Amino acid sequence: MRPDLKVYTQAESAEVWANDLVKADAVNFEGWDCGIGLESLEITADGTLYRGTCKVGGPIGHVDDEVWNLPKEFITCTVSKCTCVADLKSTRRKK
Protein backbone atom coordinates (compact mmCIF):
# COMPACT_ATOMS: atom_id res chain seq x y z
CA MET A 1 0.00 0.00 0.00
CA ARG A 2 1.32 3.44 -0.95
CA PRO A 3 1.43 6.43 1.41
CA ASP A 4 -1.65 8.62 1.21
CA LEU A 5 -0.02 12.06 0.76
CA LYS A 6 2.55 13.58 -1.54
CA VAL A 7 4.50 16.52 -0.09
CA TYR A 8 6.31 18.94 -2.40
CA THR A 9 8.98 21.49 -1.60
CA GLN A 10 10.86 23.62 -4.07
CA ALA A 11 13.69 21.08 -4.04
CA GLU A 12 11.99 17.69 -3.75
CA SER A 13 8.87 15.63 -3.18
CA ALA A 14 8.12 12.75 -0.85
CA GLU A 15 5.27 10.34 -0.22
CA VAL A 16 4.19 10.20 3.42
CA TRP A 17 1.39 8.83 5.57
CA ALA A 18 -0.92 11.50 6.99
CA ASN A 19 -0.89 9.74 10.39
CA ASP A 20 2.90 10.08 10.47
CA LEU A 21 2.57 13.85 10.13
CA VAL A 22 0.15 13.88 13.07
CA LYS A 23 2.45 11.71 15.20
CA ALA A 24 5.45 13.95 14.35
CA ASP A 25 3.40 17.07 15.19
CA ALA A 26 4.18 18.40 11.68
CA VAL A 27 0.66 19.69 11.18
CA ASN A 28 0.84 23.46 11.71
CA PHE A 29 -0.39 25.12 8.50
CA GLU A 30 -1.66 28.32 10.09
CA GLY A 31 -1.38 31.13 7.55
CA TRP A 32 -1.15 28.75 4.58
CA ASP A 33 -3.69 28.64 1.75
CA CYS A 34 -5.79 25.50 2.15
CA GLY A 35 -8.02 23.67 -0.31
CA ILE A 36 -10.31 22.41 2.42
CA GLY A 37 -13.88 22.47 1.15
CA LEU A 38 -12.79 22.32 -2.48
CA GLU A 39 -11.81 18.66 -2.33
CA SER A 40 -13.99 17.40 0.53
CA LEU A 41 -16.66 18.58 2.97
CA GLU A 42 -17.63 17.93 6.58
CA ILE A 43 -21.28 17.27 7.39
CA THR A 44 -22.02 17.33 11.12
CA ALA A 45 -24.64 15.19 12.85
CA ASP A 46 -27.16 18.05 12.69
CA GLY A 47 -26.65 18.45 8.91
CA THR A 48 -24.49 21.58 8.92
CA LEU A 49 -21.89 21.74 6.14
CA TYR A 50 -18.35 22.95 6.79
CA ARG A 51 -15.20 23.00 4.68
CA GLY A 52 -13.66 20.42 7.04
CA THR A 53 -13.62 19.16 10.61
CA CYS A 54 -11.53 22.24 11.52
CA LYS A 55 -14.59 24.40 10.66
CA VAL A 56 -12.30 27.14 9.28
CA GLY A 57 -14.44 29.72 7.52
CA GLY A 58 -17.60 28.82 9.45
CA PRO A 59 -20.66 26.98 8.18
CA ILE A 60 -21.28 26.96 4.43
CA GLY A 61 -24.79 25.55 4.45
CA HIS A 62 -27.08 22.81 5.65
CA VAL A 63 -28.09 19.58 3.94
CA ASP A 64 -31.73 20.78 3.91
CA ASP A 65 -30.90 24.05 2.11
CA GLU A 66 -32.09 24.26 -1.48
CA VAL A 67 -28.84 25.98 -2.50
CA TRP A 68 -25.46 25.36 -0.92
CA ASN A 69 -22.82 28.11 -0.87
CA LEU A 70 -19.92 25.81 -1.76
CA PRO A 71 -16.39 27.27 -1.64
CA LYS A 72 -14.75 28.22 -4.92
CA GLU A 73 -11.34 29.34 -3.64
CA PHE A 74 -8.65 28.34 -1.20
CA ILE A 75 -8.99 29.71 2.33
CA THR A 76 -6.25 30.89 4.68
CA CYS A 77 -5.85 28.42 7.55
CA THR A 78 -6.56 29.96 10.96
CA VAL A 79 -5.93 26.96 13.23
CA SER A 80 -2.60 26.00 14.77
CA LYS A 81 -2.96 22.23 14.19
CA CYS A 82 -4.60 20.17 11.47
CA THR A 83 -5.16 16.82 13.16
CA CYS A 84 -7.90 15.26 11.02
CA VAL A 85 -6.38 12.89 8.45
CA ALA A 86 -9.18 13.66 5.98
CA ASP A 87 -8.49 17.41 6.32
CA LEU A 88 -4.73 16.84 6.02
CA LYS A 89 -5.26 15.37 2.55
CA SER A 90 -6.43 18.75 1.22
CA THR A 91 -4.02 20.69 -0.95
CA ARG A 92 -2.01 23.37 0.83
CA ARG A 93 0.18 26.19 -0.44
CA LYS A 94 2.60 28.12 1.72
CA LYS A 95 2.20 31.87 1.19
PDB file of N, CA and C in Angstrom:
ATOM      1  N   MET A   1       0.844  -1.181   0.000  1.00  0.00           N
ATOM      2  CA  MET A   1       0.000   0.000   0.000  1.00  0.00           C
ATOM      3  C   MET A   1       0.893   1.248   0.000  1.00  0.00           C
ATOM      4  N   ARG A   2       0.524   2.202  -0.831  1.00  0.00           N
ATOM      5  CA  ARG A   2       1.316   3.436  -0.947  1.00  0.00           C
ATOM      6  C   ARG A   2       0.878   4.468   0.081  1.00  0.00           C
ATOM      7  N   PRO A   3       1.806   5.330   0.507  1.00  0.00           N
ATOM      8  CA  PRO A   3       1.433   6.428   1.409  1.00  0.00           C
ATOM      9  C   PRO A   3       0.313   7.267   0.807  1.00  0.00           C
ATOM     10  N   ASP A   4      -0.450   7.931   1.663  1.00  0.00           N
ATOM     11  CA  ASP A   4      -1.652   8.623   1.209  1.00  0.00           C
ATOM     12  C   ASP A   4      -1.474  10.108   0.912  1.00  0.00           C
ATOM     13  N   LEU A   5      -0.276  10.654   1.069  1.00  0.00           N
ATOM     14  CA  LEU A   5      -0.018  12.060   0.759  1.00  0.00           C
ATOM     15  C   LEU A   5       1.264  12.206  -0.034  1.00  0.00           C
ATOM     16  N   LYS A   6       1.311  13.223  -0.871  1.00  0.00           N
ATOM     17  CA  LYS A   6       2.554  13.583  -1.540  1.00  0.00           C
ATOM     18  C   LYS A   6       2.874  15.009  -1.113  1.00  0.00           C
ATOM     19  N   VAL A   7       4.065  15.214  -0.588  1.00  0.00           N
ATOM     20  CA  VAL A   7       4.500  16.518  -0.093  1.00  0.00           C
ATOM     21  C   VAL A   7       5.565  17.051  -1.047  1.00  0.00           C
ATOM     22  N   TYR A   8       5.376  18.301  -1.473  1.00  0.00           N
ATOM     23  CA  TYR A   8       6.312  18.937  -2.402  1.00  0.00           C
ATOM     24  C   TYR A   8       6.977  20.124  -1.728  1.00  0.00           C
ATOM     25  N   THR A   9       8.267  20.266  -1.947  1.00  0.00           N
ATOM     26  CA  THR A   9       8.976  21.492  -1.595  1.00  0.00           C
ATOM     27  C   THR A   9       9.577  22.010  -2.900  1.00  0.00           C
ATOM     28  N   GLN A  10      10.241  23.110  -2.849  1.00  0.00           N
ATOM     29  CA  GLN A  10      10.857  23.621  -4.071  1.00  0.00           C
ATOM     30  C   GLN A  10      11.947  22.685  -4.570  1.00  0.00           C
ATOM     31  N   ALA A  11      12.557  21.923  -3.669  1.00  0.00           N
ATOM     32  CA  ALA A  11      13.691  21.085  -4.039  1.00  0.00           C
ATOM     33  C   ALA A  11      13.333  19.622  -4.286  1.00  0.00           C
ATOM     34  N   GLU A  12      12.269  19.128  -3.655  1.00  0.00           N
ATOM     35  CA  GLU A  12      11.993  17.691  -3.751  1.00  0.00           C
ATOM     36  C   GLU A  12      10.537  17.379  -3.447  1.00  0.00           C
ATOM     37  N   SER A  13      10.189  16.102  -3.572  1.00  0.00           N
ATOM     38  CA  SER A  13       8.874  15.630  -3.176  1.00  0.00           C
ATOM     39  C   SER A  13       9.044  14.315  -2.426  1.00  0.00           C
ATOM     40  N   ALA A  14       8.065  13.994  -1.613  1.00  0.00           N
ATOM     41  CA  ALA A  14       8.122  12.753  -0.849  1.00  0.00           C
ATOM     42  C   ALA A  14       6.704  12.249  -0.616  1.00  0.00           C
ATOM     43  N   GLU A  15       6.553  10.932  -0.573  1.00  0.00           N
ATOM     44  CA  GLU A  15       5.274  10.338  -0.225  1.00  0.00           C
ATOM     45  C   GLU A  15       5.299  10.003   1.257  1.00  0.00           C
ATOM     46  N   VAL A  16       4.248  10.402   1.971  1.00  0.00           N
ATOM     47  CA  VAL A  16       4.185  10.195   3.419  1.00  0.00           C
ATOM     48  C   VAL A  16       2.783   9.734   3.810  1.00  0.00           C
ATOM     49  N   TRP A  17       2.682   9.167   4.990  1.00  0.00           N
ATOM     50  CA  TRP A  17       1.385   8.826   5.572  1.00  0.00           C
ATOM     51  C   TRP A  17       0.907  10.013   6.399  1.00  0.00           C
ATOM     52  N   ALA A  18      -0.359  10.394   6.234  1.00  0.00           N
ATOM     53  CA  ALA A  18      -0.925  11.503   6.989  1.00  0.00           C
ATOM     54  C   ALA A  18      -0.790  11.268   8.491  1.00  0.00           C
ATOM     55  N   ASN A  19      -1.018  10.037   8.951  1.00  0.00           N
ATOM     56  CA  ASN A  19      -0.893   9.742  10.385  1.00  0.00           C
ATOM     57  C   ASN A  19       0.517  10.006  10.895  1.00  0.00           C
ATOM     58  N   ASP A  20       1.527   9.802  10.058  1.00  0.00           N
ATOM     59  CA  ASP A  20       2.904  10.077  10.466  1.00  0.00           C
ATOM     60  C   ASP A  20       3.129  11.563  10.703  1.00  0.00           C
ATOM     61  N   LEU A  21       2.471  12.405   9.906  1.00  0.00           N
ATOM     62  CA  LEU A  21       2.568  13.855  10.129  1.00  0.00           C
ATOM     63  C   LEU A  21       1.955  14.226  11.473  1.00  0.00           C
ATOM     64  N   VAL A  22       0.808  13.613  11.791  1.00  0.00           N
ATOM     65  CA  VAL A  22       0.150  13.885  13.071  1.00  0.00           C
ATOM     66  C   VAL A  22       1.049  13.444  14.218  1.00  0.00           C
ATOM     67  N   LYS A  23       1.586  12.232  14.134  1.00  0.00           N
ATOM     68  CA  LYS A  23       2.452  11.708  15.199  1.00  0.00           C
ATOM     69  C   LYS A  23       3.706  12.570  15.390  1.00  0.00           C
ATOM     70  N   ALA A  24       4.238  13.118  14.287  1.00  0.00           N
ATOM     71  CA  ALA A  24       5.447  13.945  14.352  1.00  0.00           C
ATOM     72  C   ALA A  24       5.133  15.401  14.699  1.00  0.00           C
ATOM     73  N   ASP A  25       3.851  15.711  14.889  1.00  0.00           N
ATOM     74  CA  ASP A  25       3.404  17.074  15.187  1.00  0.00           C
ATOM     75  C   ASP A  25       3.842  18.055  14.089  1.00  0.00           C
ATOM     76  N   ALA A  26       3.823  17.573  12.836  1.00  0.00           N
ATOM     77  CA  ALA A  26       4.182  18.404  11.679  1.00  0.00           C
ATOM     78  C   ALA A  26       2.912  18.833  10.951  1.00  0.00           C
ATOM     79  N   VAL A  27       1.983  19.405  11.726  1.00  0.00           N
ATOM     80  CA  VAL A  27       0.658  19.692  11.179  1.00  0.00           C
ATOM     81  C   VAL A  27       0.218  21.140  11.408  1.00  0.00           C
ATOM     82  N   ASN A  28       1.172  22.057  11.543  1.00  0.00           N
ATOM     83  CA  ASN A  28       0.837  23.464  11.708  1.00  0.00           C
ATOM     84  C   ASN A  28       0.891  24.147  10.351  1.00  0.00           C
ATOM     85  N   PHE A  29      -0.287  24.445   9.798  1.00  0.00           N
ATOM     86  CA  PHE A  29      -0.386  25.115   8.501  1.00  0.00           C
ATOM     87  C   PHE A  29      -1.056  26.482   8.645  1.00  0.00           C
ATOM     88  N   GLU A  30      -1.049  27.015   9.853  1.00  0.00           N
ATOM     89  CA  GLU A  30      -1.663  28.317  10.086  1.00  0.00           C
ATOM     90  C   GLU A  30      -1.023  29.353   9.170  1.00  0.00           C
ATOM     91  N   GLY A  31      -1.864  30.116   8.480  1.00  0.00           N
ATOM     92  CA  GLY A  31      -1.384  31.133   7.548  1.00  0.00           C
ATOM     93  C   GLY A  31      -1.202  30.630   6.130  1.00  0.00           C
ATOM     94  N   TRP A  32      -1.274  29.324   5.917  1.00  0.00           N
ATOM     95  CA  TRP A  32      -1.145  28.754   4.575  1.00  0.00           C
ATOM     96  C   TRP A  32      -2.495  28.817   3.858  1.00  0.00           C
ATOM     97  N   ASP A  33      -2.472  28.808   2.532  1.00  0.00           N
ATOM     98  CA  ASP A  33      -3.688  28.640   1.753  1.00  0.00           C
ATOM     99  C   ASP A  33      -4.056  27.164   1.776  1.00  0.00           C
ATOM    100  N   CYS A  34      -5.335  26.877   2.009  1.00  0.00           N
ATOM    101  CA  CYS A  34      -5.789  25.497   2.155  1.00  0.00           C
ATOM    102  C   CYS A  34      -6.961  25.232   1.223  1.00  0.00           C
ATOM    103  N   GLY A  35      -6.949  24.068   0.604  1.00  0.00           N
ATOM    104  CA  GLY A  35      -8.016  23.670  -0.313  1.00  0.00           C
ATOM    105  C   GLY A  35      -9.174  22.971   0.365  1.00  0.00           C
ATOM    106  N   ILE A  36      -9.227  23.050   1.694  1.00  0.00           N
ATOM    107  CA  ILE A  36     -10.313  22.407   2.419  1.00  0.00           C
ATOM    108  C   ILE A  36     -11.648  22.961   1.916  1.00  0.00           C
ATOM    109  N   GLY A  37     -12.573  22.068   1.669  1.00  0.00           N
ATOM    110  CA  GLY A  37     -13.882  22.474   1.147  1.00  0.00           C
ATOM    111  C   GLY A  37     -13.952  22.434  -0.358  1.00  0.00           C
ATOM    112  N   LEU A  38     -12.812  22.456  -1.018  1.00  0.00           N
ATOM    113  CA  LEU A  38     -12.791  22.323  -2.476  1.00  0.00           C
ATOM    114  C   LEU A  38     -12.703  20.856  -2.874  1.00  0.00           C
ATOM    115  N   GLU A  39     -12.073  20.071  -2.024  1.00  0.00           N
ATOM    116  CA  GLU A  39     -11.812  18.663  -2.332  1.00  0.00           C
ATOM    117  C   GLU A  39     -12.606  17.707  -1.446  1.00  0.00           C
ATOM    118  N   SER A  40     -13.167  18.208  -0.369  1.00  0.00           N
ATOM    119  CA  SER A  40     -13.994  17.402   0.529  1.00  0.00           C
ATOM    120  C   SER A  40     -14.814  18.342   1.397  1.00  0.00           C
ATOM    121  N   LEU A  41     -15.812  17.796   2.070  1.00  0.00           N
ATOM    122  CA  LEU A  41     -16.656  18.578   2.967  1.00  0.00           C
ATOM    123  C   LEU A  41     -16.870  17.815   4.261  1.00  0.00           C
ATOM    124  N   GLU A  42     -17.244  18.521   5.298  1.00  0.00           N
ATOM    125  CA  GLU A  42     -17.632  17.929   6.576  1.00  0.00           C
ATOM    126  C   GLU A  42     -19.119  18.177   6.758  1.00  0.00           C
ATOM    127  N   ILE A  43     -19.863  17.143   7.061  1.00  0.00           N
ATOM    128  CA  ILE A  43     -21.279  17.270   7.391  1.00  0.00           C
ATOM    129  C   ILE A  43     -21.437  16.795   8.828  1.00  0.00           C
ATOM    130  N   THR A  44     -21.869  17.692   9.709  1.00  0.00           N
ATOM    131  CA  THR A  44     -22.015  17.332  11.118  1.00  0.00           C
ATOM    132  C   THR A  44     -23.309  16.547  11.331  1.00  0.00           C
ATOM    133  N   ALA A  45     -23.476  16.004  12.529  1.00  0.00           N
ATOM    134  CA  ALA A  45     -24.644  15.189  12.850  1.00  0.00           C
ATOM    135  C   ALA A  45     -25.956  15.949  12.675  1.00  0.00           C
ATOM    136  N   ASP A  46     -25.929  17.278  12.852  1.00  0.00           N
ATOM    137  CA  ASP A  46     -27.158  18.055  12.689  1.00  0.00           C
ATOM    138  C   ASP A  46     -27.380  18.518  11.248  1.00  0.00           C
ATOM    139  N   GLY A  47     -26.471  18.123  10.319  1.00  0.00           N
ATOM    140  CA  GLY A  47     -26.648  18.446   8.909  1.00  0.00           C
ATOM    141  C   GLY A  47     -25.956  19.706   8.435  1.00  0.00           C
ATOM    142  N   THR A  48     -25.202  20.366   9.307  1.00  0.00           N
ATOM    143  CA  THR A  48     -24.486  21.579   8.917  1.00  0.00           C
ATOM    144  C   THR A  48     -23.264  21.211   8.084  1.00  0.00           C
ATOM    145  N   LEU A  49     -23.038  21.956   7.006  1.00  0.00           N
ATOM    146  CA  LEU A  49     -21.885  21.737   6.136  1.00  0.00           C
ATOM    147  C   LEU A  49     -20.769  22.707   6.488  1.00  0.00           C
ATOM    148  N   TYR A  50     -19.553  22.166   6.567  1.00  0.00           N
ATOM    149  CA  TYR A  50     -18.349  22.954   6.792  1.00  0.00           C
ATOM    150  C   TYR A  50     -17.319  22.532   5.752  1.00  0.00           C
ATOM    151  N   ARG A  51     -16.301  23.356   5.585  1.00  0.00           N
ATOM    152  CA  ARG A  51     -15.202  23.000   4.685  1.00  0.00           C
ATOM    153  C   ARG A  51     -14.515  21.729   5.165  1.00  0.00           C
ATOM    154  N   GLY A  52     -14.326  21.585   6.470  1.00  0.00           N
ATOM    155  CA  GLY A  52     -13.656  20.417   7.041  1.00  0.00           C
ATOM    156  C   GLY A  52     -13.953  20.320   8.518  1.00  0.00           C
ATOM    157  N   THR A  53     -13.379  19.336   9.175  1.00  0.00           N
ATOM    158  CA  THR A  53     -13.616  19.162  10.611  1.00  0.00           C
ATOM    159  C   THR A  53     -13.070  20.334  11.418  1.00  0.00           C
ATOM    160  N   CYS A  54     -12.109  21.060  10.852  1.00  0.00           N
ATOM    161  CA  CYS A  54     -11.535  22.237  11.517  1.00  0.00           C
ATOM    162  C   CYS A  54     -12.538  23.387  11.597  1.00  0.00           C
ATOM    163  N   LYS A  55     -13.537  23.373  10.729  1.00  0.00           N
ATOM    164  CA  LYS A  55     -14.589  24.399  10.661  1.00  0.00           C
ATOM    165  C   LYS A  55     -14.060  25.794  10.315  1.00  0.00           C
ATOM    166  N   VAL A  56     -12.858  25.859   9.722  1.00  0.00           N
ATOM    167  CA  VAL A  56     -12.305  27.138   9.283  1.00  0.00           C
ATOM    168  C   VAL A  56     -13.261  27.761   8.259  1.00  0.00           C
ATOM    169  N   GLY A  57     -13.549  29.023   8.422  1.00  0.00           N
ATOM    170  CA  GLY A  57     -14.444  29.723   7.518  1.00  0.00           C
ATOM    171  C   GLY A  57     -15.907  29.670   7.923  1.00  0.00           C
ATOM    172  N   GLY A  58     -16.216  28.902   8.969  1.00  0.00           N
ATOM    173  CA  GLY A  58     -17.596  28.816   9.452  1.00  0.00           C
ATOM    174  C   GLY A  58     -18.475  27.934   8.587  1.00  0.00           C
ATOM    175  N   PRO A  59     -19.755  27.841   8.935  1.00  0.00           N
ATOM    176  CA  PRO A  59     -20.665  26.981   8.179  1.00  0.00           C
ATOM    177  C   PRO A  59     -20.879  27.509   6.762  1.00  0.00           C
ATOM    178  N   ILE A  60     -21.044  26.576   5.830  1.00  0.00           N
ATOM    179  CA  ILE A  60     -21.279  26.962   4.431  1.00  0.00           C
ATOM    180  C   ILE A  60     -22.656  26.532   3.943  1.00  0.00           C
ATOM    181  N   GLY A  61     -23.444  25.955   4.824  1.00  0.00           N
ATOM    182  CA  GLY A  61     -24.795  25.554   4.451  1.00  0.00           C
ATOM    183  C   GLY A  61     -25.313  24.448   5.342  1.00  0.00           C
ATOM    184  N   HIS A  62     -26.437  23.905   4.938  1.00  0.00           N
ATOM    185  CA  HIS A  62     -27.080  22.806   5.651  1.00  0.00           C
ATOM    186  C   HIS A  62     -27.629  21.848   4.604  1.00  0.00           C
ATOM    187  N   VAL A  63     -27.645  20.563   4.921  1.00  0.00           N
ATOM    188  CA  VAL A  63     -28.093  19.575   3.935  1.00  0.00           C
ATOM    189  C   VAL A  63     -29.524  19.833   3.474  1.00  0.00           C
ATOM    190  N   ASP A  64     -30.333  20.499   4.284  1.00  0.00           N
ATOM    191  CA  ASP A  64     -31.727  20.778   3.913  1.00  0.00           C
ATOM    192  C   ASP A  64     -31.887  22.035   3.066  1.00  0.00           C
ATOM    193  N   ASP A  65     -30.822  22.833   2.923  1.00  0.00           N
ATOM    194  CA  ASP A  65     -30.901  24.054   2.108  1.00  0.00           C
ATOM    195  C   ASP A  65     -31.113  23.693   0.647  1.00  0.00           C
ATOM    196  N   GLU A  66     -31.882  24.496  -0.045  1.00  0.00           N
ATOM    197  CA  GLU A  66     -32.092  24.264  -1.481  1.00  0.00           C
ATOM    198  C   GLU A  66     -30.832  24.583  -2.276  1.00  0.00           C
ATOM    199  N   VAL A  67     -30.080  25.589  -1.827  1.00  0.00           N
ATOM    200  CA  VAL A  67     -28.845  25.979  -2.502  1.00  0.00           C
ATOM    201  C   VAL A  67     -27.727  26.001  -1.470  1.00  0.00           C
ATOM    202  N   TRP A  68     -26.630  25.351  -1.809  1.00  0.00           N
ATOM    203  CA  TRP A  68     -25.459  25.362  -0.923  1.00  0.00           C
ATOM    204  C   TRP A  68     -24.469  26.394  -1.436  1.00  0.00           C
ATOM    205  N   ASN A  69     -23.819  27.102  -0.528  1.00  0.00           N
ATOM    206  CA  ASN A  69     -22.822  28.106  -0.869  1.00  0.00           C
ATOM    207  C   ASN A  69     -21.441  27.455  -0.819  1.00  0.00           C
ATOM    208  N   LEU A  70     -21.165  26.565  -1.777  1.00  0.00           N
ATOM    209  CA  LEU A  70     -19.920  25.810  -1.760  1.00  0.00           C
ATOM    210  C   LEU A  70     -18.721  26.704  -2.074  1.00  0.00           C
ATOM    211  N   PRO A  71     -17.597  26.464  -1.412  1.00  0.00           N
ATOM    212  CA  PRO A  71     -16.390  27.268  -1.643  1.00  0.00           C
ATOM    213  C   PRO A  71     -15.896  27.139  -3.082  1.00  0.00           C
ATOM    214  N   LYS A  72     -15.311  28.205  -3.573  1.00  0.00           N
ATOM    215  CA  LYS A  72     -14.752  28.222  -4.924  1.00  0.00           C
ATOM    216  C   LYS A  72     -13.265  28.548  -4.915  1.00  0.00           C
ATOM    217  N   GLU A  73     -12.743  28.932  -3.749  1.00  0.00           N
ATOM    218  CA  GLU A  73     -11.342  29.338  -3.642  1.00  0.00           C
ATOM    219  C   GLU A  73     -10.701  28.757  -2.392  1.00  0.00           C
ATOM    220  N   PHE A  74      -9.392  28.732  -2.387  1.00  0.00           N
ATOM    221  CA  PHE A  74      -8.647  28.335  -1.199  1.00  0.00           C
ATOM    222  C   PHE A  74      -8.974  29.317  -0.069  1.00  0.00           C
ATOM    223  N   ILE A  75      -8.783  28.865   1.159  1.00  0.00           N
ATOM    224  CA  ILE A  75      -8.994  29.714   2.330  1.00  0.00           C
ATOM    225  C   ILE A  75      -7.692  29.724   3.131  1.00  0.00           C
ATOM    226  N   THR A  76      -7.425  30.823   3.827  1.00  0.00           N
ATOM    227  CA  THR A  76      -6.245  30.888   4.683  1.00  0.00           C
ATOM    228  C   THR A  76      -6.539  30.152   5.977  1.00  0.00           C
ATOM    229  N   CYS A  77      -5.675  29.215   6.338  1.00  0.00           N
ATOM    230  CA  CYS A  77      -5.845  28.424   7.554  1.00  0.00           C
ATOM    231  C   CYS A  77      -5.693  29.321   8.777  1.00  0.00           C
ATOM    232  N   THR A  78      -6.594  29.151   9.741  1.00  0.00           N
ATOM    233  CA  THR A  78      -6.558  29.957  10.959  1.00  0.00           C
ATOM    234  C   THR A  78      -6.386  29.113  12.220  1.00  0.00           C
ATOM    235  N   VAL A  79      -6.134  27.818  12.063  1.00  0.00           N
ATOM    236  CA  VAL A  79      -5.932  26.956  13.233  1.00  0.00           C
ATOM    237  C   VAL A  79      -4.468  26.563  13.339  1.00  0.00           C
ATOM    238  N   SER A  80      -4.018  26.293  14.568  1.00  0.00           N
ATOM    239  CA  SER A  80      -2.602  25.999  14.765  1.00  0.00           C
ATOM    240  C   SER A  80      -2.244  24.542  14.482  1.00  0.00           C
ATOM    241  N   LYS A  81      -3.237  23.629  14.477  1.00  0.00           N
ATOM    242  CA  LYS A  81      -2.956  22.226  14.192  1.00  0.00           C
ATOM    243  C   LYS A  81      -4.061  21.617  13.351  1.00  0.00           C
ATOM    244  N   CYS A  82      -3.669  20.921  12.322  1.00  0.00           N
ATOM    245  CA  CYS A  82      -4.597  20.174  11.474  1.00  0.00           C
ATOM    246  C   CYS A  82      -4.421  18.703  11.849  1.00  0.00           C
ATOM    247  N   THR A  83      -5.341  18.178  12.636  1.00  0.00           N
ATOM    248  CA  THR A  83      -5.158  16.824  13.161  1.00  0.00           C
ATOM    249  C   THR A  83      -6.111  15.796  12.566  1.00  0.00           C
ATOM    250  N   CYS A  84      -6.992  16.195  11.675  1.00  0.00           N
ATOM    251  CA  CYS A  84      -7.895  15.255  11.019  1.00  0.00           C
ATOM    252  C   CYS A  84      -7.223  14.756   9.738  1.00  0.00           C
ATOM    253  N   VAL A  85      -7.062  13.452   9.625  1.00  0.00           N
ATOM    254  CA  VAL A  85      -6.381  12.893   8.454  1.00  0.00           C
ATOM    255  C   VAL A  85      -7.110  13.274   7.170  1.00  0.00           C
ATOM    256  N   ALA A  86      -8.429  13.275   7.183  1.00  0.00           N
ATOM    257  CA  ALA A  86      -9.184  13.663   5.983  1.00  0.00           C
ATOM    258  C   ALA A  86      -8.886  15.107   5.598  1.00  0.00           C
ATOM    259  N   ASP A  87      -8.821  16.003   6.583  1.00  0.00           N
ATOM    260  CA  ASP A  87      -8.490  17.410   6.321  1.00  0.00           C
ATOM    261  C   ASP A  87      -7.050  17.553   5.839  1.00  0.00           C
ATOM    262  N   LEU A  88      -6.148  16.764   6.405  1.00  0.00           N
ATOM    263  CA  LEU A  88      -4.727  16.836   6.017  1.00  0.00           C
ATOM    264  C   LEU A  88      -4.522  16.522   4.541  1.00  0.00           C
ATOM    265  N   LYS A  89      -5.419  15.768   3.955  1.00  0.00           N
ATOM    266  CA  LYS A  89      -5.263  15.372   2.553  1.00  0.00           C
ATOM    267  C   LYS A  89      -5.623  16.499   1.581  1.00  0.00           C
ATOM    268  N   SER A  90      -6.129  17.609   2.090  1.00  0.00           N
ATOM    269  CA  SER A  90      -6.432  18.753   1.220  1.00  0.00           C
ATOM    270  C   SER A  90      -5.142  19.437   0.770  1.00  0.00           C
ATOM    271  N   THR A  91      -5.174  19.983  -0.405  1.00  0.00           N
ATOM    272  CA  THR A  91      -4.019  20.694  -0.954  1.00  0.00           C
ATOM    273  C   THR A  91      -3.725  21.933  -0.119  1.00  0.00           C
ATOM    274  N   ARG A  92      -2.447  22.180   0.100  1.00  0.00           N
ATOM    275  CA  ARG A  92      -2.013  23.367   0.833  1.00  0.00           C
ATOM    276  C   ARG A  92      -0.899  24.071   0.066  1.00  0.00           C
ATOM    277  N   ARG A  93      -0.877  25.384   0.186  1.00  0.00           N
ATOM    278  CA  ARG A  93       0.181  26.188  -0.441  1.00  0.00           C
ATOM    279  C   ARG A  93       0.694  27.188   0.578  1.00  0.00           C
ATOM    280  N   LYS A  94       1.993  27.155   0.795  1.00  0.00           N
ATOM    281  CA  LYS A  94       2.597  28.118   1.720  1.00  0.00           C
ATOM    282  C   LYS A  94       2.642  29.475   1.044  1.00  0.00           C
ATOM    283  N   LYS A  95       2.208  30.517   1.752  1.00  0.00           N
ATOM    284  CA  LYS A  95       2.196  31.866   1.193  1.00  0.00           C
ATOM    285  C   LYS A  95       3.588  32.446   1.163  1.00  0.00           C
TER     286      LYS A  95
END
